[in-house]
Protein backbone atom coordinates (compact mmCIF):
# COMPACT_ATOMS: atom_id res chain seq x y z
CA MET A 1 1.91 -30.04 0.76
CA THR A 2 4.87 -31.80 -0.87
CA VAL A 3 5.26 -33.40 -3.81
CA LYS A 4 7.96 -34.98 -4.93
CA LEU A 5 7.95 -36.57 -8.50
CA ASP A 6 9.96 -39.92 -8.97
CA GLY A 7 9.43 -41.51 -11.89
CA GLY A 8 6.24 -40.89 -12.19
CA LYS A 9 4.96 -41.28 -9.14
CA ARG A 10 3.75 -39.17 -6.79
CA SER A 11 4.12 -38.87 -2.80
CA LEU A 12 3.60 -36.58 -0.01
CA ARG A 13 3.16 -35.44 3.45
CA PRO A 14 0.32 -34.77 4.53
CA ALA A 15 -0.81 -31.77 6.32
CA THR A 16 -1.01 -31.88 10.13
CA PRO A 17 -4.31 -31.05 11.07
CA GLY A 18 -4.23 -28.04 13.15
CA GLY A 19 -1.03 -25.85 14.98
CA ASP A 20 0.80 -23.65 12.02
CA VAL A 21 -1.13 -22.90 9.32
CA ARG A 22 2.58 -23.94 7.66
CA SER A 23 0.59 -26.86 7.89
CA THR A 24 -2.23 -26.56 5.77
CA SER A 25 -1.94 -27.79 1.80
CA VAL A 26 -2.41 -25.10 -0.21
CA LEU A 27 -3.34 -25.57 -3.68
CA HIS A 28 -2.48 -22.49 -6.15
CA VAL A 29 -3.94 -22.30 -9.63
CA LEU A 30 -2.34 -19.82 -12.33
CA ASP A 31 -3.13 -19.45 -15.85
CA HIS A 32 0.48 -20.03 -17.01
CA SER A 33 3.61 -20.61 -14.97
CA TRP A 34 7.36 -20.89 -15.30
CA PRO A 35 9.39 -21.67 -17.73
CA VAL A 36 6.75 -19.73 -20.06
CA LEU A 37 8.08 -16.35 -19.02
CA SER A 38 6.42 -12.89 -18.52
CA GLY A 39 5.92 -10.85 -15.77
CA TYR A 40 2.62 -12.85 -14.16
CA SER A 41 4.72 -16.02 -14.30
CA VAL A 42 7.71 -14.28 -12.69
CA ARG A 43 5.81 -13.16 -9.22
CA SER A 44 3.94 -16.35 -9.40
CA ARG A 45 7.68 -18.21 -9.26
CA ASP A 46 8.24 -15.20 -6.36
CA LEU A 47 5.54 -15.59 -4.00
CA ILE A 48 4.82 -19.49 -4.26
CA THR A 49 8.69 -20.57 -3.31
CA SER A 50 8.81 -17.89 -1.05
CA GLN A 51 6.44 -19.47 0.96
CA PHE A 52 7.85 -22.67 0.25
CA ARG A 53 10.81 -21.28 2.08
CA LEU A 54 8.51 -20.58 5.37
CA GLY A 55 7.83 -24.01 4.90
CA GLN A 56 4.28 -23.50 3.99
CA GLU A 57 2.96 -27.15 2.20
CA LEU A 58 1.58 -26.20 -1.14
CA ALA A 59 1.65 -27.06 -4.80
CA VAL A 60 0.87 -25.07 -8.16
CA VAL A 61 -1.46 -26.01 -10.64
CA THR A 62 -1.91 -24.12 -14.51
CA GLY A 63 -4.52 -24.09 -16.57
CA PRO A 64 -4.72 -25.76 -20.05
CA LEU A 65 -3.70 -22.64 -21.64
CA HIS A 66 -0.08 -23.49 -20.53
CA GLN A 67 -0.17 -26.35 -22.58
CA VAL A 68 -1.23 -23.81 -25.47
CA GLU A 69 1.53 -22.00 -25.22
CA GLU A 70 3.78 -25.27 -23.80
CA PRO A 71 2.65 -28.04 -25.56
CA SER A 72 5.28 -30.27 -24.13
CA ALA A 73 4.63 -29.06 -20.50
CA CYS A 74 4.48 -31.79 -18.30
CA ASP A 75 4.02 -32.42 -14.00
CA THR A 76 7.56 -31.07 -12.99
CA GLU A 77 8.73 -29.37 -10.17
CA VAL A 78 10.31 -25.42 -9.92
CA ASP A 79 12.24 -24.47 -6.96
CA GLY A 80 11.21 -27.74 -4.55
CA VAL A 81 7.80 -26.83 -5.77
CA ALA A 82 5.26 -29.85 -7.51
CA TYR A 83 3.35 -27.90 -10.41
CA PHE A 84 0.95 -29.94 -12.01
CA ARG A 85 -0.06 -29.35 -15.83
CA THR A 86 -3.82 -29.27 -17.27
CA ALA A 87 -4.13 -31.49 -20.80
CA VAL A 88 -6.32 -30.50 -23.45
CA GLU A 89 -8.32 -33.47 -23.34
CA GLY A 90 -11.30 -34.17 -26.50
CA ARG A 91 -10.85 -33.37 -30.21
CA MET A 92 -13.31 -30.49 -29.57
CA SER A 93 -11.35 -28.95 -26.30
CA ARG A 94 -8.39 -28.72 -28.18
CA LEU A 95 -10.29 -27.28 -31.25
CA ALA A 96 -11.98 -24.31 -28.93
CA LEU A 97 -8.55 -23.58 -27.33
CA GLN A 98 -6.28 -23.10 -30.76
CA ARG A 99 -9.07 -21.77 -33.04
CA ARG A 100 -9.82 -19.07 -29.97
CA TRP A 101 -13.71 -20.04 -30.36
CA PRO A 102 -15.69 -17.61 -28.71
CA VAL A 103 -17.91 -18.57 -25.42
CA ILE A 104 -17.03 -22.11 -26.14
CA ARG A 105 -13.35 -21.70 -25.20
CA GLU A 106 -13.65 -20.27 -21.98
CA LEU A 107 -16.89 -22.73 -21.12
CA GLN A 108 -13.48 -25.26 -21.70
CA VAL A 109 -11.02 -23.81 -19.85
CA VAL A 110 -13.23 -23.43 -16.84
CA ARG A 111 -14.68 -27.19 -17.13
CA LEU A 112 -11.12 -28.76 -17.89
CA LEU A 113 -9.43 -26.76 -14.98
CA ARG A 114 -11.72 -27.37 -12.76
CA ASN A 115 -11.84 -30.74 -13.15
CA ARG A 116 -7.73 -31.20 -12.79
CA ILE A 117 -8.55 -28.97 -9.32
CA LEU A 118 -11.17 -31.78 -8.43
CA ARG A 119 -8.99 -34.98 -9.26
CA LEU A 120 -5.86 -33.32 -6.91
CA ILE A 121 -8.05 -32.35 -4.09
CA ASP A 122 -9.46 -35.96 -4.26
CA GLU A 123 -5.77 -37.31 -4.57
CA TYR A 124 -3.93 -34.99 -2.19
CA ASN A 125 -4.57 -33.52 0.98
CA VAL A 126 -5.56 -30.21 -0.40
CA ARG A 127 -7.14 -27.52 2.14
CA ILE A 128 -7.27 -24.32 0.79
CA ILE A 129 -7.70 -23.65 -3.03
CA TYR A 130 -5.80 -20.46 -3.85
CA ALA A 131 -6.45 -19.33 -8.04
CA HIS A 132 -5.14 -15.77 -9.50
CA SER A 133 -6.56 -13.90 -12.16
CA PRO A 134 -7.96 -14.06 -14.93
CA ALA A 135 -11.51 -14.65 -13.92
CA LEU A 136 -11.15 -18.25 -15.72
CA CYS A 137 -8.95 -19.91 -13.46
CA GLY A 138 -10.54 -17.45 -10.65
CA LEU A 139 -14.42 -19.57 -11.85
CA ALA A 140 -12.54 -22.70 -12.51
CA GLY A 141 -11.32 -22.64 -8.37
CA LEU A 142 -14.16 -21.04 -7.10
CA GLN A 143 -16.69 -24.55 -8.31
CA ALA A 144 -13.72 -27.14 -7.34
CA ALA A 145 -13.96 -24.89 -3.50
CA ARG A 146 -17.31 -24.98 -3.42
CA LYS A 147 -18.17 -28.57 -4.89
CA ARG A 148 -15.56 -29.83 -2.01
CA LYS A 149 -16.41 -27.28 0.68
CA LEU A 150 -12.90 -26.26 0.77
CA PRO A 151 -12.32 -22.34 1.31
CA PHE A 152 -11.45 -20.61 -2.10
CA VAL A 153 -8.85 -17.33 -2.04
CA TYR A 154 -8.95 -15.54 -5.35
CA GLU A 155 -6.26 -12.92 -6.47
CA VAL A 156 -6.99 -10.13 -8.55
CA ARG A 157 -3.50 -9.08 -10.46
CA ALA A 158 -5.08 -6.91 -13.27
CA PHE A 159 -8.79 -6.41 -14.56
CA TRP A 160 -7.99 -8.34 -18.02
CA GLU A 161 -10.59 -6.76 -19.51
CA ASP A 162 -8.94 -3.39 -19.26
CA GLY A 163 -5.75 -4.65 -20.82
CA ALA A 164 -7.70 -6.21 -24.03
CA VAL A 165 -9.08 -2.67 -24.30
CA ASP A 166 -5.71 -1.35 -25.51
CA GLN A 167 -4.79 -4.18 -26.96
CA ASN A 168 -7.77 -3.25 -29.33
CA ARG A 169 -9.29 -6.14 -28.56
CA THR A 170 -12.04 -5.06 -27.19
CA THR A 171 -13.47 -2.14 -26.59
CA SER A 172 -14.82 -0.55 -22.87
CA ASN A 173 -18.83 -0.70 -23.89
CA SER A 174 -18.68 -4.22 -25.45
CA VAL A 175 -20.62 -7.00 -24.65
CA ARG A 176 -17.14 -8.98 -24.19
CA TYR A 177 -16.25 -6.58 -22.02
CA SER A 178 -19.01 -6.13 -19.76
CA MET A 179 -19.62 -10.20 -20.00
CA THR A 180 -15.85 -9.62 -18.59
CA ARG A 181 -16.13 -7.45 -15.75
CA GLN A 182 -19.75 -9.57 -14.49
CA LEU A 183 -17.30 -12.21 -13.90
CA GLU A 184 -14.49 -11.12 -12.04
CA THR A 185 -17.28 -9.59 -9.90
CA TYR A 186 -18.90 -12.70 -9.51
CA VAL A 187 -15.73 -14.20 -8.34
CA VAL A 188 -14.59 -11.51 -6.03
CA ARG A 189 -17.82 -11.35 -4.36
CA ASN A 190 -18.21 -15.29 -3.68
CA ALA A 191 -14.70 -15.90 -2.35
CA ASP A 192 -13.67 -16.21 1.24
CA ALA A 193 -11.23 -13.92 0.55
CA VAL A 194 -9.88 -11.67 -2.10
CA CYS A 195 -6.30 -10.10 -2.83
CA GLY A 196 -5.09 -7.59 -4.70
CA ILE A 197 -1.50 -6.40 -5.47
CA ALA A 198 -2.42 -3.17 -5.50
CA GLU A 199 -4.02 -0.55 -3.81
CA HIS A 200 -6.17 0.98 -6.08
CA ILE A 201 -7.29 -2.72 -6.86
CA ILE A 202 -8.30 -2.95 -3.57
CA GLN A 203 -10.63 0.42 -3.89
CA GLU A 204 -11.81 -0.82 -7.18
CA LEU A 205 -12.89 -4.61 -5.25
CA ARG A 206 -14.31 -2.40 -2.00
CA SER A 207 -16.61 -0.28 -5.26
CA ARG A 208 -17.87 -3.88 -6.25
CA GLY A 209 -19.32 -5.25 -2.89
CA VAL A 210 -16.58 -7.49 -1.61
CA PRO A 211 -16.43 -6.63 2.13
CA PRO A 212 -13.67 -4.99 3.77
CA GLU A 213 -12.68 -7.87 6.20
CA ARG A 214 -12.39 -10.10 3.28
CA LEU A 215 -9.79 -8.04 1.37
CA PHE A 216 -6.12 -8.77 1.77
CA HIS A 217 -3.16 -6.32 0.07
CA THR A 218 -0.35 -8.73 -1.34
CA PRO A 219 1.23 -6.01 -3.17
CA ASN A 220 3.95 -7.04 -5.72
CA GLY A 221 7.90 -8.05 -4.76
CA VAL A 222 11.35 -8.81 -5.39
CA ASP A 223 13.77 -11.63 -4.64
CA CYS A 224 16.79 -9.42 -3.76
CA LYS A 225 18.90 -12.14 -3.33
CA ARG A 226 18.79 -13.07 -6.85
CA PHE A 227 18.64 -9.15 -7.82
CA VAL A 228 21.57 -7.73 -6.25
CA PRO A 229 23.92 -4.77 -7.12
CA ALA A 230 27.07 -5.42 -9.49
CA SER A 231 29.66 -3.89 -10.66
CA ARG A 232 29.41 -2.60 -14.17
CA ASP A 233 30.58 -5.52 -17.11
CA ARG A 234 32.38 -3.41 -18.90
CA ARG A 235 33.20 -6.15 -21.72
CA LEU A 236 29.40 -6.08 -22.34
CA ALA A 237 29.41 -2.49 -22.62
CA ASP A 238 32.39 -2.39 -25.14
CA GLU A 239 30.66 -5.11 -27.03
CA LEU A 240 27.16 -2.97 -27.17
CA GLY A 241 28.68 0.55 -27.96
CA LEU A 242 27.67 1.75 -24.52
CA THR A 243 30.95 3.56 -23.16
CA ASP A 244 30.46 7.05 -23.91
CA ALA A 245 27.41 8.82 -22.39
CA PRO A 246 25.07 7.71 -19.66
CA VAL A 247 23.01 4.73 -20.49
CA LEU A 248 18.91 4.71 -20.32
CA GLY A 249 17.26 1.48 -20.43
CA PHE A 250 14.01 -0.16 -20.70
CA PHE A 251 13.79 -3.94 -20.01
CA GLY A 252 9.84 -5.36 -20.79
CA SER A 253 7.13 -6.54 -22.78
CA LEU A 254 6.81 -3.81 -25.66
CA TYR A 255 2.81 -2.98 -25.10
CA ARG A 256 1.72 -0.09 -26.14
CA TYR A 257 0.99 0.95 -22.80
CA GLU A 258 4.47 0.87 -21.87
CA GLY A 259 5.19 4.10 -23.74
CA ILE A 260 8.13 3.43 -25.36
CA THR A 261 7.06 4.68 -29.00
CA TRP A 262 6.30 7.53 -26.92
CA LEU A 263 9.84 7.67 -25.21
CA ILE A 264 11.26 7.72 -28.54
CA ARG A 265 10.21 10.89 -29.42
CA ALA A 266 10.23 12.69 -25.69
CA LEU A 267 14.39 11.46 -26.38
CA ALA A 268 14.39 13.03 -29.68
CA GLU A 269 13.78 16.52 -27.64
CA LEU A 270 16.39 15.84 -24.91
CA ARG A 271 19.20 15.07 -28.02
CA ARG A 272 17.80 18.93 -29.28
CA ARG A 273 18.74 19.96 -25.85
CA GLY A 274 21.85 19.24 -26.29
CA ASN A 275 22.37 15.97 -23.85
CA ARG A 276 24.23 12.81 -24.73
CA PHE A 277 22.95 9.27 -23.83
CA HIS A 278 22.40 5.90 -24.73
CA LEU A 279 18.85 3.56 -24.84
CA LEU A 280 19.03 0.22 -24.25
CA ILE A 281 15.96 -1.35 -24.91
CA ILE A 282 15.38 -5.32 -24.50
CA GLY A 283 12.00 -6.53 -25.10
CA ARG A 284 9.50 -7.35 -27.97
CA GLY A 285 5.85 -7.61 -28.26
CA GLU A 286 3.38 -5.56 -30.17
CA GLU A 287 4.78 -1.99 -30.12
CA GLN A 288 8.00 -3.80 -31.58
CA GLU A 289 8.11 -2.33 -35.38
CA ARG A 290 6.56 1.19 -34.03
CA VAL A 291 9.37 1.87 -31.63
CA ARG A 292 12.01 0.62 -34.48
CA ALA A 293 9.81 2.91 -36.84
CA ALA A 294 9.73 5.71 -34.63
CA VAL A 295 14.09 5.02 -33.84
CA HIS A 296 14.74 5.87 -37.49
CA GLU A 297 12.06 8.87 -37.88
CA HIS A 298 14.03 10.60 -35.05
CA ALA A 299 17.43 10.27 -36.53
CA LEU A 300 17.97 7.86 -33.01
CA ASP A 301 20.25 4.92 -34.60
CA ASP A 302 23.34 6.09 -33.50
CA CYS A 303 22.28 6.55 -29.23
CA VAL A 304 19.02 3.65 -29.22
CA ARG A 305 20.17 -0.42 -29.03
CA LEU A 306 17.47 -2.87 -29.67
CA ILE A 307 17.60 -6.20 -28.19
CA ASP A 308 14.48 -8.44 -28.98
CA HIS A 309 15.67 -11.46 -26.16
CA VAL A 310 18.34 -12.07 -23.58
CA PRO A 311 18.48 -15.16 -21.53
CA HIS A 312 17.01 -14.76 -18.06
CA ASP A 313 20.11 -15.79 -16.49
CA GLN A 314 21.98 -12.75 -18.16
CA ILE A 315 19.77 -10.07 -17.90
CA SER A 316 21.78 -9.24 -14.73
CA ARG A 317 24.99 -8.66 -16.96
CA TYR A 318 22.26 -6.25 -19.03
CA TYR A 319 21.25 -4.17 -16.09
CA SER A 320 24.82 -3.79 -14.61
CA VAL A 321 25.68 -1.59 -17.85
CA VAL A 322 22.34 0.78 -17.28
CA ASP A 323 22.91 3.70 -15.33
CA VAL A 324 18.88 4.76 -15.27
CA MET A 325 16.18 2.46 -15.84
CA VAL A 326 12.96 4.25 -17.52
CA PHE A 327 9.14 3.52 -17.20
CA PRO A 328 7.31 6.32 -18.99
CA ARG A 329 3.91 3.98 -18.89
CA LEU A 330 0.49 5.95 -20.32
CA SER A 331 -2.15 6.91 -18.47
CA ILE A 332 -5.08 4.71 -19.15
CA ARG A 333 -7.34 2.18 -16.68
CA LEU A 334 -4.90 -0.56 -16.41
CA THR A 335 -1.57 1.15 -15.24
CA GLU A 336 -3.17 3.62 -13.10
CA LEU A 337 -4.48 0.54 -11.19
CA VAL A 338 -1.86 -1.98 -11.39
CA THR A 339 1.54 -2.06 -10.35
CA PRO A 340 4.54 -3.41 -12.62
CA LEU A 341 7.71 -5.59 -11.26
CA LYS A 342 10.38 -4.45 -13.23
CA PRO A 343 10.98 -0.74 -11.41
CA LEU A 344 11.15 -3.25 -8.15
CA GLU A 345 13.94 -5.16 -9.56
CA ALA A 346 15.27 -2.33 -10.75
CA MET A 347 15.37 -0.60 -7.36
CA SER A 348 17.00 -3.63 -5.98
CA LEU A 349 20.03 -3.39 -8.05
CA LYS A 350 19.98 -0.12 -6.64
CA LYS A 351 19.53 1.69 -9.82
CA ALA A 352 18.09 5.20 -10.59
CA VAL A 353 14.43 5.19 -11.65
CA LEU A 354 12.61 7.48 -13.72
CA ALA A 355 8.89 6.96 -14.45
CA SER A 356 5.39 8.38 -15.37
CA GLY A 357 3.63 9.33 -12.31
CA VAL A 358 0.81 6.76 -13.57
CA GLY A 359 -1.00 5.29 -9.96
CA GLY A 360 0.66 1.97 -10.54
CA MET A 361 4.10 3.83 -10.06
CA ARG A 362 2.94 6.41 -7.41
CA GLU A 363 2.15 3.21 -5.37
CA LEU A 364 6.49 2.26 -5.46
CA ILE A 365 8.37 5.13 -5.97
CA ALA A 366 8.51 8.15 -3.57
CA ASP A 367 9.34 11.03 -6.10
CA ASP A 368 12.96 12.45 -5.25
CA HIS A 369 13.74 9.79 -2.52
CA THR A 370 13.44 5.91 -3.99
CA GLY A 371 13.03 7.49 -7.81
CA LEU A 372 12.19 10.68 -9.83
CA LEU A 373 8.60 11.11 -11.65
CA PHE A 374 6.89 13.40 -14.48
CA PRO A 375 3.82 13.58 -15.38
CA ALA A 376 2.48 10.62 -18.26
CA GLU A 377 3.10 12.21 -21.64
CA ASP A 378 4.81 15.27 -20.75
CA VAL A 379 7.44 16.21 -22.76
CA PRO A 380 8.62 18.81 -21.44
CA ALA A 381 8.56 17.29 -17.78
CA PHE A 382 9.95 14.32 -18.68
CA CYS A 383 13.34 15.91 -20.24
CA ASP A 384 13.63 18.13 -17.10
CA GLN A 385 13.93 15.41 -14.78
CA ALA A 386 16.10 13.31 -17.22
CA GLU A 387 18.43 16.30 -17.76
CA ARG A 388 18.70 16.01 -13.99
CA LEU A 389 20.09 12.10 -14.12
CA LEU A 390 21.98 12.50 -17.00
CA LYS A 391 24.28 15.46 -14.89
CA SER A 392 24.76 13.70 -12.17
CA ALA A 393 26.07 10.74 -10.74
CA GLY A 394 25.45 11.43 -7.03
CA LEU A 395 22.03 11.72 -7.61
CA ARG A 396 21.72 8.52 -9.71
CA ALA A 397 23.80 6.73 -6.92
CA GLN A 398 21.49 8.08 -3.63
CA LEU A 399 18.64 7.10 -5.56
CA GLY A 400 19.78 4.29 -5.96
CA GLU A 401 20.72 3.60 -2.42
CA ASN A 402 17.28 4.80 -0.95
CA ALA A 403 15.68 2.29 -3.23
CA ARG A 404 17.68 -0.33 -2.78
CA GLU A 405 17.11 -0.01 1.27
CA TYR A 406 13.45 0.32 0.31
CA VAL A 407 13.10 -2.65 -1.24
CA LEU A 408 14.71 -4.53 1.39
CA ARG A 409 12.52 -3.58 4.16
CA GLU A 410 9.01 -3.79 2.54
CA LYS A 411 9.01 -5.09 -0.86
CA ASP A 412 11.58 -8.72 -0.82
CA TRP A 413 9.50 -11.32 -0.92
CA ASN A 414 11.08 -12.94 2.24
CA VAL A 415 9.28 -10.33 4.04
CA LEU A 416 5.71 -10.52 1.68
CA ALA A 417 5.39 -14.03 2.02
CA TRP A 418 4.81 -13.99 5.95
CA ARG A 419 1.21 -11.97 4.80
CA TYR A 420 -0.57 -14.98 3.33
CA GLN A 421 -0.11 -16.75 6.62
CA ASP A 422 -2.65 -14.25 7.75
CA ILE A 423 -4.93 -15.06 4.44
CA TYR A 424 -4.89 -19.00 5.43
CA GLN A 425 -5.52 -18.17 8.37
CA HIS A 426 -9.05 -15.89 7.98
CA VAL A 427 -10.20 -18.23 5.46
CA LEU A 428 -10.07 -21.43 7.21
CA GLN A 429 -11.64 -19.95 10.36
CA HIS A 430 -14.36 -17.65 7.71
CA ARG A 431 -15.26 -21.32 6.22
CA ALA A 432 -15.36 -23.67 9.58
CA ASP A 433 -17.84 -20.03 10.19
CA VAL A 434 -19.71 -20.71 7.38
CA THR A 435 -19.71 -24.53 8.47
CA ARG A 436 -21.30 -23.82 11.81
CA SER A 437 -23.73 -21.41 10.92
CA CYS A 438 -25.07 -24.16 7.99
CA GLY A 439 -25.43 -26.29 10.86
CA ALA A 440 -23.41 -29.38 9.58
CA PRO A 441 -23.25 -32.22 11.92
CA GLY A 442 -19.43 -32.41 13.25
CA ALA A 443 -19.98 -35.99 12.90
CA LEU A 444 -20.38 -36.06 9.34
CA ILE A 445 -17.30 -33.58 9.13
CA ARG A 446 -15.03 -36.13 10.73
CA ALA A 447 -16.56 -38.73 8.86
CA ARG A 448 -15.80 -36.31 5.28
CA ASN A 449 -11.79 -35.79 6.88
CA ALA A 450 -11.41 -39.50 7.98
CA ARG A 451 -12.44 -40.99 4.21
CA SER A 452 -9.99 -37.70 3.00
CA ASN A 453 -7.54 -39.19 5.05
CA GLU A 454 -8.14 -42.62 3.82
CA SER A 455 -7.98 -41.79 -0.08
CA LEU A 456 -4.24 -40.56 0.48
């Protein structure tokens, strides 16, 4: 479904019945999207753009919370793909979303997004609904798909109730945690196919009663044409004062589970061992002030550089001045289940990677081959691995070479995009089987499709 926005007037190329599954129109349902910058929006853009380049007919709709984040957002086009927005209509809806009224807020999100999806289904030749977590997007997509008797796919990127626990917004024995978990379980059990971005998530979904034949692994990837190795930007290194020792780096959101405050303490020990280094941190978030305080407390102000934001089109320059990217994630349920994006970017750039051995990292990094791992929150083990990298430029180079080869072979979005064709074929066949088992007369199906085509 290629939709072009031209002076507010939309036109599209209808999907061709039968034949190549890429002619099937797929509507992706997202919580938020580009240009709002997050790991979620980066993954969404890359996986959707990669499918579009294969010739897949698709479009995107974002939920009403995107409008809260970016009030001026309107229907637009990203990389040639149409992105539709969900307006926050009505005073009650606006107040519920802005003031975060419990339960009412969630109900309004689902209602507004479901109605927007239904309008898009009626206006365009949508044949598959593909919703991405959180569960509110999943529930809205499921309700709309069932109302129009369309196949429904749900992708789980993380279990959001676990993130809320780490951010101290709830506890694992709270009513909110239980309700969120039950809602997610309801959506995955009723989907025609369920995708997980990590093997640990697939295992969790299996334990919740999702049949194995409906489960698909859709791992995180990287655009290897965008993240290309580059020579060191010496001018930038001079400006940042990163010229007289190897540079460690962390780029990303400063959530507690990323372990950056812990990293500062570990680096103090690394320095006491007589090692010289710099640390470049780019990011902001809930731990930002704690990180700054830790730097001062451990007297590392002379070797740690903190930058809260760099424009996305400039980030490659900053990567170029880093010798080792460090990802010291703490071991919690979220990090054991979920694979992050940033290590793949670093690996595509031929950077040596040093990471804690939580489940999400072990799925991406082969220890001593595409990076180095250490037990989470183990300061001596971290220092031992860091010393190896600081003292050997040859080891850093070899790990970087191996990492780049790995992501080109297995994690490039141009490779991963083909997996989605199997998912689309599966749900089309599954929904056809369900329709036949329900005894729906072929004449009624043909009549419904005819009405749908006439509405275009």
